[in-house]
Amino acid sequence: PDLTGHEKFGLGNVKYNISRIHVTAVELPSASISLLPGSGIKLVIGNASLTIDMNWNIRTWMFKDGGRGTVHISKVFVTAIFSTPLDNTGPTSISLTSCRTTSGDIDIKLNGKS
């Protein structure tokens, strides 16, 4: 979905719109899944990266600008625990019990008129 909003910055408001957000690359060089006896599943993803392309527009009382942008997030680490209740009363269900995510580097490139 598009992101639209405004922020107070310096002497006035900055209105922004980020649209046409597309994930263009995902790398998962280190991923593992392990069973947790009697409780569920543990997913660990290490050193992952993600690249996103988008359109952006900003407007202030002094100027407006817009263009294309790319965001590259790297050194992403995720640990997630999923519970899988073992009752034979219905279909198997999976729910997220805990999740921890960290990212190391974020590189943002904005191309516009200014």
PDB file of N, CA and C in Angstrom:
ATOM      1  N   PRO A   1       0.824  -1.207   0.000  1.00  0.00           N
ATOM      2  CA  PRO A   1       0.000   0.000   0.000  1.00  0.00           C
ATOM      3  C   PRO A   1       0.863   1.263   0.000  1.00  0.00           C
ATOM      4  N   ASP A   2       0.294   2.341  -0.487  1.00  0.00           N
ATOM      5  CA  ASP A   2       0.982   3.628  -0.497  1.00  0.00           C
ATOM      6  C   ASP A   2       1.105   4.172   0.927  1.00  0.00           C
ATOM      7  N   LEU A   3       2.124   4.995   1.151  1.00  0.00           N
ATOM      8  CA  LEU A   3       2.326   5.662   2.434  1.00  0.00           C
ATOM      9  C   LEU A   3       2.173   7.163   2.221  1.00  0.00           C
ATOM     10  N   THR A   4       1.254   7.776   2.937  1.00  0.00           N
ATOM     11  CA  THR A   4       0.994   9.204   2.807  1.00  0.00           C
ATOM     12  C   THR A   4       0.888   9.804   4.200  1.00  0.00           C
ATOM     13  N   GLY A   5       1.438  11.005   4.365  1.00  0.00           N
ATOM     14  CA  GLY A   5       1.327  11.650   5.661  1.00  0.00           C
ATOM     15  C   GLY A   5       2.025  12.989   5.678  1.00  0.00           C
ATOM     16  N   HIS A   6       2.221  13.512   6.876  1.00  0.00           N
ATOM     17  CA  HIS A   6       2.937  14.770   7.038  1.00  0.00           C
ATOM     18  C   HIS A   6       3.690  14.753   8.366  1.00  0.00           C
ATOM     19  N   GLU A   7       4.777  15.503   8.400  1.00  0.00           N
ATOM     20  CA  GLU A   7       5.615  15.615   9.592  1.00  0.00           C
ATOM     21  C   GLU A   7       5.983  17.076   9.785  1.00  0.00           C
ATOM     22  N   LYS A   8       6.066  17.507  11.046  1.00  0.00           N
ATOM     23  CA  LYS A   8       6.586  18.839  11.341  1.00  0.00           C
ATOM     24  C   LYS A   8       8.101  18.761  11.276  1.00  0.00           C
ATOM     25  N   PHE A   9       8.678  19.672  10.499  1.00  0.00           N
ATOM     26  CA  PHE A   9      10.123  19.645  10.308  1.00  0.00           C
ATOM     27  C   PHE A   9      10.602  21.079  10.148  1.00  0.00           C
ATOM     28  N   GLY A  10      11.448  21.525  11.055  1.00  0.00           N
ATOM     29  CA  GLY A  10      11.979  22.878  10.951  1.00  0.00           C
ATOM     30  C   GLY A  10      10.889  23.929  11.059  1.00  0.00           C
ATOM     31  N   LEU A  11      10.731  24.719   9.991  1.00  0.00           N
ATOM     32  CA  LEU A  11       9.800  25.848  10.012  1.00  0.00           C
ATOM     33  C   LEU A  11       8.397  25.514   9.526  1.00  0.00           C
ATOM     34  N   GLY A  12       8.128  24.271   9.162  1.00  0.00           N
ATOM     35  CA  GLY A  12       6.790  23.969   8.665  1.00  0.00           C
ATOM     36  C   GLY A  12       6.547  22.483   8.534  1.00  0.00           C
ATOM     37  N   ASN A  13       5.452  22.181   7.846  1.00  0.00           N
ATOM     38  CA  ASN A  13       5.072  20.790   7.627  1.00  0.00           C
ATOM     39  C   ASN A  13       5.655  20.278   6.321  1.00  0.00           C
ATOM     40  N   VAL A  14       6.009  19.015   6.318  1.00  0.00           N
ATOM     41  CA  VAL A  14       6.434  18.331   5.112  1.00  0.00           C
ATOM     42  C   VAL A  14       5.391  17.264   4.821  1.00  0.00           C
ATOM     43  N   LYS A  15       4.743  17.370   3.667  1.00  0.00           N
ATOM     44  CA  LYS A  15       3.789  16.353   3.239  1.00  0.00           C
ATOM     45  C   LYS A  15       4.520  15.382   2.325  1.00  0.00           C
ATOM     46  N   TYR A  16       4.265  14.092   2.502  1.00  0.00           N
ATOM     47  CA  TYR A  16       4.960  13.100   1.689  1.00  0.00           C
ATOM     48  C   TYR A  16       3.990  12.041   1.175  1.00  0.00           C
ATOM     49  N   ASN A  17       4.383  11.438   0.074  1.00  0.00           N
ATOM     50  CA  ASN A  17       3.641  10.318  -0.495  1.00  0.00           C
ATOM     51  C   ASN A  17       4.652   9.347  -1.095  1.00  0.00           C
ATOM     52  N   ILE A  18       4.583   8.108  -0.680  1.00  0.00           N
ATOM     53  CA  ILE A  18       5.423   7.052  -1.233  1.00  0.00           C
ATOM     54  C   ILE A  18       4.472   6.041  -1.870  1.00  0.00           C
ATOM     55  N   SER A  19       4.644   5.818  -3.174  1.00  0.00           N
ATOM     56  CA  SER A  19       3.706   4.962  -3.903  1.00  0.00           C
ATOM     57  C   SER A  19       4.447   3.977  -4.802  1.00  0.00           C
ATOM     58  N   ARG A  20       3.683   3.074  -5.386  1.00  0.00           N
ATOM     59  CA  ARG A  20       4.223   2.036  -6.275  1.00  0.00           C
ATOM     60  C   ARG A  20       5.416   1.323  -5.644  1.00  0.00           C
ATOM     61  N   ILE A  21       5.197   0.876  -4.417  1.00  0.00           N
ATOM     62  CA  ILE A  21       6.241   0.185  -3.659  1.00  0.00           C
ATOM     63  C   ILE A  21       6.323  -1.254  -4.160  1.00  0.00           C
ATOM     64  N   HIS A  22       7.525  -1.643  -4.614  1.00  0.00           N
ATOM     65  CA  HIS A  22       7.738  -2.994  -5.129  1.00  0.00           C
ATOM     66  C   HIS A  22       9.000  -3.584  -4.514  1.00  0.00           C
ATOM     67  N   VAL A  23       8.882  -4.793  -3.985  1.00  0.00           N
ATOM     68  CA  VAL A  23      10.060  -5.527  -3.529  1.00  0.00           C
ATOM     69  C   VAL A  23      10.707  -6.128  -4.776  1.00  0.00           C
ATOM     70  N   THR A  24      11.940  -5.739  -5.061  1.00  0.00           N
ATOM     71  CA  THR A  24      12.598  -6.191  -6.291  1.00  0.00           C
ATOM     72  C   THR A  24      13.640  -7.277  -6.048  1.00  0.00           C
ATOM     73  N   ALA A  25      14.094  -7.451  -4.808  1.00  0.00           N
ATOM     74  CA  ALA A  25      15.067  -8.506  -4.517  1.00  0.00           C
ATOM     75  C   ALA A  25      14.994  -8.895  -3.044  1.00  0.00           C
ATOM     76  N   VAL A  26      15.112 -10.189  -2.800  1.00  0.00           N
ATOM     77  CA  VAL A  26      15.205 -10.731  -1.446  1.00  0.00           C
ATOM     78  C   VAL A  26      16.292 -11.788  -1.461  1.00  0.00           C
ATOM     79  N   GLU A  27      17.227 -11.699  -0.534  1.00  0.00           N
ATOM     80  CA  GLU A  27      18.284 -12.701  -0.420  1.00  0.00           C
ATOM     81  C   GLU A  27      18.265 -13.275   0.992  1.00  0.00           C
ATOM     82  N   LEU A  28      18.218 -14.611   1.072  1.00  0.00           N
ATOM     83  CA  LEU A  28      18.226 -15.318   2.345  1.00  0.00           C
ATOM     84  C   LEU A  28      19.397 -16.302   2.349  1.00  0.00           C
ATOM     85  N   PRO A  29      20.629 -15.805   2.518  1.00  0.00           N
ATOM     86  CA  PRO A  29      21.789 -16.691   2.407  1.00  0.00           C
ATOM     87  C   PRO A  29      21.895 -17.715   3.533  1.00  0.00           C
ATOM     88  N   SER A  30      21.285 -17.428   4.674  1.00  0.00           N
ATOM     89  CA  SER A  30      21.371 -18.344   5.812  1.00  0.00           C
ATOM     90  C   SER A  30      20.002 -18.437   6.466  1.00  0.00           C
ATOM     91  N   ALA A  31      19.351 -19.592   6.299  1.00  0.00           N
ATOM     92  CA  ALA A  31      18.040 -19.798   6.910  1.00  0.00           C
ATOM     93  C   ALA A  31      17.970 -21.227   7.432  1.00  0.00           C
ATOM     94  N   SER A  32      17.364 -21.392   8.595  1.00  0.00           N
ATOM     95  CA  SER A  32      17.201 -22.731   9.148  1.00  0.00           C
ATOM     96  C   SER A  32      15.872 -22.838   9.875  1.00  0.00           C
ATOM     97  N   ILE A  33      15.338 -24.038   9.877  1.00  0.00           N
ATOM     98  CA  ILE A  33      14.099 -24.344  10.591  1.00  0.00           C
ATOM     99  C   ILE A  33      14.395 -25.527  11.491  1.00  0.00           C
ATOM    100  N   SER A  34      13.993 -25.432  12.740  1.00  0.00           N
ATOM    101  CA  SER A  34      14.184 -26.555  13.662  1.00  0.00           C
ATOM    102  C   SER A  34      12.899 -26.788  14.451  1.00  0.00           C
ATOM    103  N   LEU A  35      12.703 -28.023  14.850  1.00  0.00           N
ATOM    104  CA  LEU A  35      11.537 -28.388  15.651  1.00  0.00           C
ATOM    105  C   LEU A  35      11.845 -28.189  17.124  1.00  0.00           C
ATOM    106  N   LEU A  36      10.901 -27.633  17.834  1.00  0.00           N
ATOM    107  CA  LEU A  36      11.005 -27.485  19.279  1.00  0.00           C
ATOM    108  C   LEU A  36      10.073 -28.533  19.879  1.00  0.00           C
ATOM    109  N   PRO A  37      10.610 -29.611  20.426  1.00  0.00           N
ATOM    110  CA  PRO A  37       9.778 -30.731  20.881  1.00  0.00           C
ATOM    111  C   PRO A  37       8.644 -30.287  21.798  1.00  0.00           C
ATOM    112  N   GLY A  38       7.453 -30.690  21.422  1.00  0.00           N
ATOM    113  CA  GLY A  38       6.272 -30.415  22.224  1.00  0.00           C
ATOM    114  C   GLY A  38       5.730 -29.020  22.144  1.00  0.00           C
ATOM    115  N   SER A  39       6.396 -28.115  21.392  1.00  0.00           N
ATOM    116  CA  SER A  39       5.891 -26.746  21.400  1.00  0.00           C
ATOM    117  C   SER A  39       5.766 -26.100  20.031  1.00  0.00           C
ATOM    118  N   GLY A  40       6.674 -26.397  19.085  1.00  0.00           N
ATOM    119  CA  GLY A  40       6.512 -25.720  17.809  1.00  0.00           C
ATOM    120  C   GLY A  40       7.731 -25.756  16.925  1.00  0.00           C
ATOM    121  N   ILE A  41       7.921 -24.645  16.223  1.00  0.00           N
ATOM    122  CA  ILE A  41       8.947 -24.537  15.194  1.00  0.00           C
ATOM    123  C   ILE A  41       9.719 -23.236  15.402  1.00  0.00           C
ATOM    124  N   LYS A  42      11.036 -23.305  15.210  1.00  0.00           N
ATOM    125  CA  LYS A  42      11.885 -22.117  15.306  1.00  0.00           C
ATOM    126  C   LYS A  42      12.470 -21.835  13.920  1.00  0.00           C
ATOM    127  N   LEU A  43      12.303 -20.610  13.451  1.00  0.00           N
ATOM    128  CA  LEU A  43      12.838 -20.161  12.173  1.00  0.00           C
ATOM    129  C   LEU A  43      13.914 -19.122  12.450  1.00  0.00           C
ATOM    130  N   VAL A  44      15.095 -19.334  11.867  1.00  0.00           N
ATOM    131  CA  VAL A  44      16.195 -18.378  12.026  1.00  0.00           C
ATOM    132  C   VAL A  44      16.692 -17.997  10.638  1.00  0.00           C
ATOM    133  N   ILE A  45      16.712 -16.697  10.370  1.00  0.00           N
ATOM    134  CA  ILE A  45      17.221 -16.162   9.110  1.00  0.00           C
ATOM    135  C   ILE A  45      18.358 -15.220   9.454  1.00  0.00           C
ATOM    136  N   GLY A  46      19.506 -15.432   8.807  1.00  0.00           N
ATOM    137  CA  GLY A  46      20.669 -14.614   9.106  1.00  0.00           C
ATOM    138  C   GLY A  46      21.227 -13.928   7.875  1.00  0.00           C
ATOM    139  N   ASN A  47      21.680 -12.710   8.061  1.00  0.00           N
ATOM    140  CA  ASN A  47      22.346 -11.923   7.026  1.00  0.00           C
ATOM    141  C   ASN A  47      21.513 -11.779   5.748  1.00  0.00           C
ATOM    142  N   ALA A  48      20.235 -11.585   5.901  1.00  0.00           N
ATOM    143  CA  ALA A  48      19.344 -11.421   4.752  1.00  0.00           C
ATOM    144  C   ALA A  48      19.405  -9.984   4.238  1.00  0.00           C
ATOM    145  N   SER A  49      18.893  -9.779   3.024  1.00  0.00           N
ATOM    146  CA  SER A  49      18.811  -8.423   2.478  1.00  0.00           C
ATOM    147  C   SER A  49      17.543  -8.284   1.652  1.00  0.00           C
ATOM    148  N   LEU A  50      17.137  -7.039   1.458  1.00  0.00           N
ATOM    149  CA  LEU A  50      15.881  -6.719   0.791  1.00  0.00           C
ATOM    150  C   LEU A  50      16.070  -5.417   0.023  1.00  0.00           C
ATOM    151  N   THR A  51      15.589  -5.380  -1.230  1.00  0.00           N
ATOM    152  CA  THR A  51      15.645  -4.155  -2.024  1.00  0.00           C
ATOM    153  C   THR A  51      14.221  -3.780  -2.433  1.00  0.00           C
ATOM    154  N   ILE A  52      13.890  -2.492  -2.262  1.00  0.00           N
ATOM    155  CA  ILE A  52      12.550  -1.975  -2.562  1.00  0.00           C
ATOM    156  C   ILE A  52      12.688  -0.775  -3.491  1.00  0.00           C
ATOM    157  N   ASP A  53      11.896  -0.748  -4.573  1.00  0.00           N
ATOM    158  CA  ASP A  53      11.801   0.416  -5.458  1.00  0.00           C
ATOM    159  C   ASP A  53      10.479   1.116  -5.195  1.00  0.00           C
ATOM    160  N   MET A  54      10.440   2.437  -5.419  1.00  0.00           N
ATOM    161  CA  MET A  54       9.226   3.212  -5.123  1.00  0.00           C
ATOM    162  C   MET A  54       9.242   4.545  -5.848  1.00  0.00           C
ATOM    163  N   ASN A  55       8.090   5.184  -5.905  1.00  0.00           N
ATOM    164  CA  ASN A  55       7.960   6.585  -6.295  1.00  0.00           C
ATOM    165  C   ASN A  55       7.820   7.391  -5.007  1.00  0.00           C
ATOM    166  N   TRP A  56       8.323   8.619  -5.004  1.00  0.00           N
ATOM    167  CA  TRP A  56       8.185   9.467  -3.829  1.00  0.00           C
ATOM    168  C   TRP A  56       7.885  10.900  -4.236  1.00  0.00           C
ATOM    169  N   ASN A  57       7.137  11.594  -3.398  1.00  0.00           N
ATOM    170  CA  ASN A  57       6.826  13.020  -3.564  1.00  0.00           C
ATOM    171  C   ASN A  57       6.861  13.675  -2.199  1.00  0.00           C
ATOM    172  N   ILE A  58       7.442  14.869  -2.124  1.00  0.00           N
ATOM    173  CA  ILE A  58       7.358  15.680  -0.907  1.00  0.00           C
ATOM    174  C   ILE A  58       6.933  17.085  -1.293  1.00  0.00           C
ATOM    175  N   ARG A  59       6.279  17.762  -0.350  1.00  0.00           N
ATOM    176  CA  ARG A  59       5.820  19.131  -0.589  1.00  0.00           C
ATOM    177  C   ARG A  59       5.925  19.904   0.717  1.00  0.00           C
ATOM    178  N   THR A  60       6.530  21.100   0.638  1.00  0.00           N
ATOM    179  CA  THR A  60       6.594  22.007   1.775  1.00  0.00           C
ATOM    180  C   THR A  60       6.057  23.359   1.309  1.00  0.00           C
ATOM    181  N   TRP A  61       6.050  24.337   2.172  1.00  0.00           N
ATOM    182  CA  TRP A  61       5.585  25.665   1.778  1.00  0.00           C
ATOM    183  C   TRP A  61       6.569  26.317   0.813  1.00  0.00           C
ATOM    184  N   MET A  62       7.834  25.831   0.753  1.00  0.00           N
ATOM    185  CA  MET A  62       8.846  26.435  -0.114  1.00  0.00           C
ATOM    186  C   MET A  62       9.026  25.715  -1.453  1.00  0.00           C
ATOM    187  N   PHE A  63       8.884  24.395  -1.467  1.00  0.00           N
ATOM    188  CA  PHE A  63       9.161  23.658  -2.702  1.00  0.00           C
ATOM    189  C   PHE A  63       8.435  22.321  -2.690  1.00  0.00           C
ATOM    190  N   LYS A  64       8.453  21.700  -3.857  1.00  0.00           N
ATOM    191  CA  LYS A  64       7.962  20.340  -3.973  1.00  0.00           C
ATOM    192  C   LYS A  64       8.913  19.581  -4.889  1.00  0.00           C
ATOM    193  N   ASP A  65       9.009  18.275  -4.674  1.00  0.00           N
ATOM    194  CA  ASP A  65       9.896  17.455  -5.478  1.00  0.00           C
ATOM    195  C   ASP A  65       9.381  16.019  -5.440  1.00  0.00           C
ATOM    196  N   GLY A  66       9.858  15.225  -6.359  1.00  0.00           N
ATOM    197  CA  GLY A  66       9.465  13.831  -6.420  1.00  0.00           C
ATOM    198  C   GLY A  66      10.331  13.092  -7.415  1.00  0.00           C
ATOM    199  N   GLY A  67      10.199  11.792  -7.425  1.00  0.00           N
ATOM    200  CA  GLY A  67      10.974  10.970  -8.346  1.00  0.00           C
ATOM    201  C   GLY A  67      10.890   9.509  -7.965  1.00  0.00           C
ATOM    202  N   ARG A  68      11.941   8.775  -8.324  1.00  0.00           N
ATOM    203  CA  ARG A  68      12.046   7.352  -8.011  1.00  0.00           C
ATOM    204  C   ARG A  68      13.032   7.181  -6.862  1.00  0.00           C
ATOM    205  N   GLY A  69      12.868   6.103  -6.132  1.00  0.00           N
ATOM    206  CA  GLY A  69      13.778   5.826  -5.034  1.00  0.00           C
ATOM    207  C   GLY A  69      14.015   4.338  -4.878  1.00  0.00           C
ATOM    208  N   THR A  70      15.144   4.012  -4.258  1.00  0.00           N
ATOM    209  CA  THR A  70      15.487   2.631  -3.955  1.00  0.00           C
ATOM    210  C   THR A  70      15.949   2.557  -2.505  1.00  0.00           C
ATOM    211  N   VAL A  71      15.453   1.565  -1.792  1.00  0.00           N
ATOM    212  CA  VAL A  71      15.870   1.309  -0.414  1.00  0.00           C
ATOM    213  C   VAL A  71      16.466  -0.091  -0.378  1.00  0.00           C
ATOM    214  N   HIS A  72      17.694  -0.197   0.132  1.00  0.00           N
ATOM    215  CA  HIS A  72      18.338  -1.501   0.282  1.00  0.00           C
ATOM    216  C   HIS A  72      18.616  -1.708   1.773  1.00  0.00           C
ATOM    217  N   ILE A  73      18.033  -2.764   2.332  1.00  0.00           N
ATOM    218  CA  ILE A  73      18.211  -3.095   3.747  1.00  0.00           C
ATOM    219  C   ILE A  73      19.045  -4.371   3.803  1.00  0.00           C
ATOM    220  N   SER A  74      20.148  -4.336   4.545  1.00  0.00           N
ATOM    221  CA  SER A  74      21.016  -5.512   4.618  1.00  0.00           C
ATOM    222  C   SER A  74      21.353  -5.840   6.067  1.00  0.00           C
ATOM    223  N   LYS A  75      21.992  -6.977   6.244  1.00  0.00           N
ATOM    224  CA  LYS A  75      22.342  -7.491   7.563  1.00  0.00           C
ATOM    225  C   LYS A  75      21.097  -7.653   8.432  1.00  0.00           C
ATOM    226  N   VAL A  76      20.050  -8.249   7.831  1.00  0.00           N
ATOM    227  CA  VAL A  76      18.791  -8.474   8.527  1.00  0.00           C
ATOM    228  C   VAL A  76      18.837  -9.853   9.193  1.00  0.00           C
ATOM    229  N   PHE A  77      18.495  -9.893  10.472  1.00  0.00           N
ATOM    230  CA  PHE A  77      18.458 -11.142  11.233  1.00  0.00           C
ATOM    231  C   PHE A  77      17.063 -11.296  11.848  1.00  0.00           C
ATOM    232  N   VAL A  78      16.477 -12.472  11.681  1.00  0.00           N
ATOM    233  CA  VAL A  78      15.124 -12.744  12.175  1.00  0.00           C
ATOM    234  C   VAL A  78      15.142 -14.063  12.946  1.00  0.00           C
ATOM    235  N   THR A  79      14.548 -14.061  14.116  1.00  0.00           N
ATOM    236  CA  THR A  79      14.294 -15.295  14.861  1.00  0.00           C
ATOM    237  C   THR A  79      12.815 -15.299  15.205  1.00  0.00           C
ATOM    238  N   ALA A  80      12.115 -16.340  14.769  1.00  0.00           N
ATOM    239  CA  ALA A  80      10.669 -16.438  15.010  1.00  0.00           C
ATOM    240  C   ALA A  80      10.347 -17.807  15.590  1.00  0.00           C
ATOM    241  N   ILE A  81       9.444 -17.832  16.556  1.00  0.00           N
ATOM    242  CA  ILE A  81       8.965 -19.073  17.156  1.00  0.00           C
ATOM    243  C   ILE A  81       7.474 -19.196  16.831  1.00  0.00           C
ATOM    244  N   PHE A  82       7.111 -20.331  16.256  1.00  0.00           N
ATOM    245  CA  PHE A  82       5.715 -20.623  15.918  1.00  0.00           C
ATOM    246  C   PHE A  82       5.244 -21.771  16.801  1.00  0.00           C
ATOM    247  N   SER A  83       4.044 -21.651  17.346  1.00  0.00           N
ATOM    248  CA  SER A  83       3.488 -22.755  18.132  1.00  0.00           C
ATOM    249  C   SER A  83       2.525 -23.543  17.259  1.00  0.00           C
ATOM    250  N   THR A  84       2.538 -24.834  17.469  1.00  0.00           N
ATOM    251  CA  THR A  84       1.661 -25.740  16.718  1.00  0.00           C
ATOM    252  C   THR A  84       0.956 -26.650  17.719  1.00  0.00           C
ATOM    253  N   PRO A  85      -0.236 -26.257  18.166  1.00  0.00           N
ATOM    254  CA  PRO A  85      -0.960 -27.082  19.135  1.00  0.00           C
ATOM    255  C   PRO A  85      -1.203 -28.483  18.568  1.00  0.00           C
ATOM    256  N   LEU A  86      -0.963 -29.481  19.402  1.00  0.00           N
ATOM    257  CA  LEU A  86      -1.120 -30.862  18.954  1.00  0.00           C
ATOM    258  C   LEU A  86      -2.378 -31.488  19.548  1.00  0.00           C
ATOM    259  N   ASP A  87      -3.514 -30.940  19.197  1.00  0.00           N
ATOM    260  CA  ASP A  87      -4.767 -31.592  19.578  1.00  0.00           C
ATOM    261  C   ASP A  87      -5.393 -32.130  18.298  1.00  0.00           C
ATOM    262  N   ASN A  88      -5.944 -33.268  18.364  1.00  0.00           N
ATOM    263  CA  ASN A  88      -6.505 -33.917  17.180  1.00  0.00           C
ATOM    264  C   ASN A  88      -7.965 -33.564  16.963  1.00  0.00           C
ATOM    265  N   THR A  89      -8.364 -32.351  17.351  1.00  0.00           N
ATOM    266  CA  THR A  89      -9.773 -31.978  17.257  1.00  0.00           C
ATOM    267  C   THR A  89     -10.126 -31.254  15.965  1.00  0.00           C
ATOM    268  N   GLY A  90      -9.153 -30.887  15.170  1.00  0.00           N
ATOM    269  CA  GLY A  90      -9.453 -30.141  13.946  1.00  0.00           C
ATOM    270  C   GLY A  90      -8.216 -29.962  13.107  1.00  0.00           C
ATOM    271  N   PRO A  91      -8.297 -29.059  12.156  1.00  0.00           N
ATOM    272  CA  PRO A  91      -7.134 -28.838  11.295  1.00  0.00           C
ATOM    273  C   PRO A  91      -5.970 -28.246  12.085  1.00  0.00           C
ATOM    274  N   THR A  92      -4.756 -28.517  11.626  1.00  0.00           N
ATOM    275  CA  THR A  92      -3.561 -27.999  12.277  1.00  0.00           C
ATOM    276  C   THR A  92      -3.507 -26.484  12.129  1.00  0.00           C
ATOM    277  N   SER A  93      -3.159 -25.820  13.206  1.00  0.00           N
ATOM    278  CA  SER A  93      -3.030 -24.360  13.160  1.00  0.00           C
ATOM    279  C   SER A  93      -1.619 -23.987  13.602  1.00  0.00           C
ATOM    280  N   ILE A  94      -1.157 -22.856  13.104  1.00  0.00           N
ATOM    281  CA  ILE A  94       0.159 -22.335  13.464  1.00  0.00           C
ATOM    282  C   ILE A  94      -0.022 -20.881  13.873  1.00  0.00           C
ATOM    283  N   SER A  95       0.560 -20.506  15.004  1.00  0.00           N
ATOM    284  CA  SER A  95       0.492 -19.104  15.417  1.00  0.00           C
ATOM    285  C   SER A  95       1.884 -18.627  15.822  1.00  0.00           C
ATOM    286  N   LEU A  96       2.140 -17.357  15.575  1.00  0.00           N
ATOM    287  CA  LEU A  96       3.428 -16.745  15.903  1.00  0.00           C
ATOM    288  C   LEU A  96       3.470 -16.448  17.395  1.00  0.00           C
ATOM    289  N   THR A  97       4.431 -17.051  18.093  1.00  0.00           N
ATOM    290  CA  THR A  97       4.573 -16.870  19.537  1.00  0.00           C
ATOM    291  C   THR A  97       5.503 -15.709  19.851  1.00  0.00           C
ATOM    292  N   SER A  98       6.642 -15.641  19.126  1.00  0.00           N
ATOM    293  CA  SER A  98       7.571 -14.537  19.336  1.00  0.00           C
ATOM    294  C   SER A  98       8.343 -14.288  18.048  1.00  0.00           C
ATOM    295  N   CYS A  99       8.815 -13.050  17.905  1.00  0.00           N
ATOM    296  CA  CYS A  99       9.577 -12.678  16.719  1.00  0.00           C
ATOM    297  C   CYS A  99      10.535 -11.555  17.095  1.00  0.00           C
ATOM    298  N   ARG A 100      11.776 -11.700  16.684  1.00  0.00           N
ATOM    299  CA  ARG A 100      12.770 -10.651  16.911  1.00  0.00           C
ATOM    300  C   ARG A 100      13.485 -10.392  15.591  1.00  0.00           C
ATOM    301  N   THR A 101      13.563  -9.130  15.202  1.00  0.00           N
ATOM    302  CA  THR A 101      14.201  -8.750  13.950  1.00  0.00           C
ATOM    303  C   THR A 101      15.146  -7.583  14.193  1.00  0.00           C
ATOM    304  N   THR A 102      16.328  -7.657  13.592  1.00  0.00           N
ATOM    305  CA  THR A 102      17.267  -6.540  13.625  1.00  0.00           C
ATOM    306  C   THR A 102      17.797  -6.328  12.212  1.00  0.00           C
ATOM    307  N   SER A 103      18.148  -5.091  11.919  1.00  0.00           N
ATOM    308  CA  SER A 103      18.762  -4.798  10.621  1.00  0.00           C
ATOM    309  C   SER A 103      20.010  -3.956  10.866  1.00  0.00           C
ATOM    310  N   GLY A 104      21.015  -4.162  10.027  1.00  0.00           N
ATOM    311  CA  GLY A 104      22.285  -3.482  10.222  1.00  0.00           C
ATOM    312  C   GLY A 104      22.436  -2.226   9.404  1.00  0.00           C
ATOM    313  N   ASP A 105      22.213  -2.317   8.101  1.00  0.00           N
ATOM    314  CA  ASP A 105      22.439  -1.185   7.209  1.00  0.00           C
ATOM    315  C   ASP A 105      21.195  -0.886   6.388  1.00  0.00           C
ATOM    316  N   ILE A 106      20.913   0.404   6.204  1.00  0.00           N
ATOM    317  CA  ILE A 106      19.837   0.850   5.332  1.00  0.00           C
ATOM    318  C   ILE A 106      20.409   1.920   4.412  1.00  0.00           C
ATOM    319  N   ASP A 107      20.339   1.666   3.105  1.00  0.00           N
ATOM    320  CA  ASP A 107      20.849   2.589   2.095  1.00  0.00           C
ATOM    321  C   ASP A 107      19.656   3.113   1.302  1.00  0.00           C
ATOM    322  N   ILE A 108      19.447   4.439   1.317  1.00  0.00           N
ATOM    323  CA  ILE A 108      18.307   5.057   0.627  1.00  0.00           C
ATOM    324  C   ILE A 108      18.849   5.956  -0.475  1.00  0.00           C
ATOM    325  N   LYS A 109      18.381   5.741  -1.695  1.00  0.00           N
ATOM    326  CA  LYS A 109      18.759   6.589  -2.822  1.00  0.00           C
ATOM    327  C   LYS A 109      17.494   7.184  -3.417  1.00  0.00           C
ATOM    328  N   LEU A 110      17.446   8.524  -3.481  1.00  0.00           N
ATOM    329  CA  LEU A 110      16.300   9.234  -4.039  1.00  0.00           C
ATOM    330  C   LEU A 110      16.748   9.989  -5.270  1.00  0.00           C
ATOM    331  N   ASN A 111      16.092   9.764  -6.374  1.00  0.00           N
ATOM    332  CA  ASN A 111      16.357  10.497  -7.608  1.00  0.00           C
ATOM    333  C   ASN A 111      15.172  11.416  -7.864  1.00  0.00           C
ATOM    334  N   GLY A 112      15.451  12.700  -8.049  1.00  0.00           N
ATOM    335  CA  GLY A 112      14.382  13.651  -8.289  1.00  0.00           C
ATOM    336  C   GLY A 112      14.893  14.861  -9.039  1.00  0.00           C
ATOM    337  N   LYS A 113      14.053  15.859  -9.138  1.00  0.00           N
ATOM    338  CA  LYS A 113      14.395  17.074  -9.882  1.00  0.00           C
ATOM    339  C   LYS A 113      15.449  17.906  -9.151  1.00  0.00           C
ATOM    340  N   SER A 114      15.377  17.913  -7.830  1.00  0.00           N
ATOM    341  CA  SER A 114      16.338  18.706  -7.052  1.00  0.00           C
ATOM    342  C   SER A 114      17.554  17.890  -6.761  1.00  0.00           C
TER     343      SER A 114
END
